[in-house]
Amino acid sequence: MEAKKIILFDGVCNLCNGAVQFIIKRDKRSVFKFASLQSEIGKQLTKERGIDTELLDSIILIEPGIAYYSKSTAALEIMKSFGGIWNLTRLFTVLPEGFRDIVYDFIAKNRYKWFGKKDACMIPTPELQSRFLD
């Protein structure tokens, strides 16, 4: 079986859950699998990579053979995989990662205030269950 890219996300964040739905709709080749940072598999994957989720408040993209991407770089790598018009997002890579991450961190810091928060992680529908790691 081909190794999949794994996206770890904040499972109680409405913005993050919306982003996952956005990605699923555009991931026509089923390149990605998903797990919340709060899940056991999410905790295991971050621990294996030495990621302290208390310090890294971010979406995390784990690619086979590559440790991981986080913050703006993870978002750009994910969008790049959609192809088509989304290839234009590569233009943002000319901006310094530090600058991109300042913008990313500002949104991440305010995401609960702006978009709300769930009491528990989202539960995928039966048809989407295969896209999520248990």
Protein backbone atom coordinates (compact mmCIF):
# COMPACT_ATOMS: atom_id res chain seq x y z
CA MET A 1 0.00 0.00 0.00
CA GLU A 2 1.24 3.47 -0.89
CA ALA A 3 2.16 5.61 2.10
CA LYS A 4 -0.23 8.55 2.48
CA LYS A 5 0.48 12.07 3.60
CA ILE A 6 -1.03 12.71 7.03
CA ILE A 7 -2.61 15.98 8.10
CA LEU A 8 -2.84 16.57 11.85
CA PHE A 9 -5.30 19.28 12.86
CA ASP A 10 -6.98 20.78 15.91
CA GLY A 11 -10.09 18.63 16.16
CA VAL A 12 -12.11 21.10 18.25
CA CYS A 13 -11.40 24.16 16.07
CA ASN A 14 -14.21 25.15 13.69
CA LEU A 15 -11.74 26.79 11.29
CA CYS A 16 -9.58 23.67 11.28
CA ASN A 17 -12.55 21.37 10.71
CA GLY A 18 -13.65 23.61 7.85
CA ALA A 19 -10.14 23.39 6.40
CA VAL A 20 -10.28 19.58 6.56
CA GLN A 21 -13.61 19.59 4.68
CA PHE A 22 -12.08 22.00 2.14
CA ILE A 23 -9.09 19.69 1.63
CA ILE A 24 -11.21 16.54 1.32
CA LYS A 25 -13.31 18.15 -1.46
CA ARG A 26 -10.18 19.02 -3.45
CA ASP A 27 -8.15 15.88 -2.71
CA LYS A 28 -9.45 13.97 -5.72
CA ARG A 29 -6.64 11.40 -5.59
CA SER A 30 -7.06 10.71 -1.85
CA VAL A 31 -3.48 11.73 -1.16
CA PHE A 32 -4.21 12.67 2.46
CA LYS A 33 -5.26 10.91 5.63
CA PHE A 34 -6.38 12.93 8.64
CA ALA A 35 -6.10 12.75 12.42
CA SER A 36 -6.83 15.28 15.11
CA LEU A 37 -3.98 16.40 17.33
CA GLN A 38 -6.12 15.35 20.32
CA SER A 39 -6.52 11.73 19.10
CA GLU A 40 -4.30 8.90 20.30
CA ILE A 41 -2.76 8.52 16.84
CA GLY A 42 -2.22 12.30 16.65
CA LYS A 43 -0.45 12.25 20.02
CA GLN A 44 1.63 9.25 18.95
CA LEU A 45 2.68 10.82 15.63
CA THR A 46 3.69 14.11 17.25
CA LYS A 47 5.56 12.34 20.05
CA GLU A 48 7.48 10.18 17.52
CA ARG A 49 8.64 13.37 15.79
CA GLY A 50 9.43 15.29 18.96
CA ILE A 51 6.70 17.87 18.30
CA ASP A 52 5.50 19.67 21.40
CA THR A 53 1.89 20.60 20.58
CA GLU A 54 1.89 23.05 23.48
CA LEU A 55 4.51 25.08 21.60
CA LEU A 56 3.41 24.35 18.03
CA ASP A 57 -0.20 25.46 17.61
CA SER A 58 -0.46 24.49 13.98
CA ILE A 59 -1.64 22.23 11.24
CA ILE A 60 1.02 19.60 10.67
CA LEU A 61 1.66 17.76 7.41
CA ILE A 62 3.60 14.53 7.71
CA GLU A 63 4.99 13.21 4.44
CA PRO A 64 6.53 9.77 3.96
CA GLY A 65 10.30 10.11 4.14
CA ILE A 66 10.11 13.74 5.33
CA ALA A 67 9.82 14.63 9.01
CA TYR A 68 6.98 17.15 8.78
CA TYR A 69 5.86 20.59 7.70
CA SER A 70 3.99 23.00 9.94
CA LYS A 71 2.23 26.35 9.87
CA SER A 72 2.27 28.24 6.55
CA THR A 73 4.61 25.77 4.88
CA ALA A 74 2.24 22.89 5.66
CA ALA A 75 -0.71 24.87 4.28
CA LEU A 76 1.18 25.71 1.08
CA GLU A 77 2.36 22.11 0.61
CA ILE A 78 -1.22 20.88 1.02
CA MET A 79 -2.63 23.39 -1.49
CA LYS A 80 0.15 22.60 -3.97
CA SER A 81 -1.10 19.00 -4.14
CA PHE A 82 -4.50 20.11 -5.50
CA GLY A 83 -2.98 21.07 -8.86
CA GLY A 84 -4.58 23.44 -11.34
CA ILE A 85 -5.09 27.02 -10.18
CA TRP A 86 -3.86 26.02 -6.72
CA ASN A 87 -0.33 25.82 -8.14
CA LEU A 88 -0.35 29.62 -7.91
CA THR A 89 -0.03 29.29 -4.14
CA ARG A 90 3.61 28.40 -4.82
CA LEU A 91 4.12 32.14 -5.34
CA PHE A 92 3.81 32.60 -1.58
CA THR A 93 6.96 30.53 -1.07
CA VAL A 94 8.98 33.55 -2.25
CA LEU A 95 7.98 35.26 1.00
CA PRO A 96 10.23 34.41 3.95
CA GLU A 97 8.79 31.59 6.05
CA GLY A 98 9.11 33.76 9.17
CA PHE A 99 6.87 36.43 7.63
CA ARG A 100 4.33 33.85 6.41
CA ASP A 101 4.26 32.30 9.88
CA ILE A 102 3.60 35.67 11.56
CA VAL A 103 0.38 35.88 9.54
CA TYR A 104 -0.37 32.20 10.22
CA ASP A 105 0.22 32.62 13.97
CA PHE A 106 -2.05 35.67 14.12
CA ILE A 107 -4.91 33.68 12.57
CA ALA A 108 -4.16 30.63 14.75
CA LYS A 109 -4.11 32.75 17.90
CA ASN A 110 -7.56 34.18 17.12
CA ARG A 111 -9.22 31.16 15.51
CA TYR A 112 -11.43 30.22 18.47
CA LYS A 113 -12.55 33.82 18.95
CA TRP A 114 -13.33 34.33 15.25
CA PHE A 115 -14.62 30.88 14.24
CA GLY A 116 -15.59 29.17 17.50
CA LYS A 117 -14.69 25.91 19.14
CA LYS A 118 -16.42 22.55 19.51
CA ASP A 119 -16.73 20.67 22.81
CA ALA A 120 -15.32 17.52 21.18
CA CYS A 121 -13.46 16.49 18.05
CA MET A 122 -15.47 16.05 14.87
CA ILE A 123 -16.69 12.58 14.05
CA PRO A 124 -16.33 11.80 10.34
CA THR A 125 -19.35 10.56 8.44
CA PRO A 126 -19.30 6.86 7.53
CA GLU A 127 -18.34 7.70 3.92
CA LEU A 128 -15.38 9.78 5.12
CA GLN A 129 -14.24 7.41 7.87
CA SER A 130 -11.66 5.73 5.62
CA ARG A 131 -9.88 9.08 5.21
CA PHE A 132 -9.25 9.35 8.98
CA LEU A 133 -6.73 7.46 11.09
CA ASP A 134 -8.05 5.79 14.23
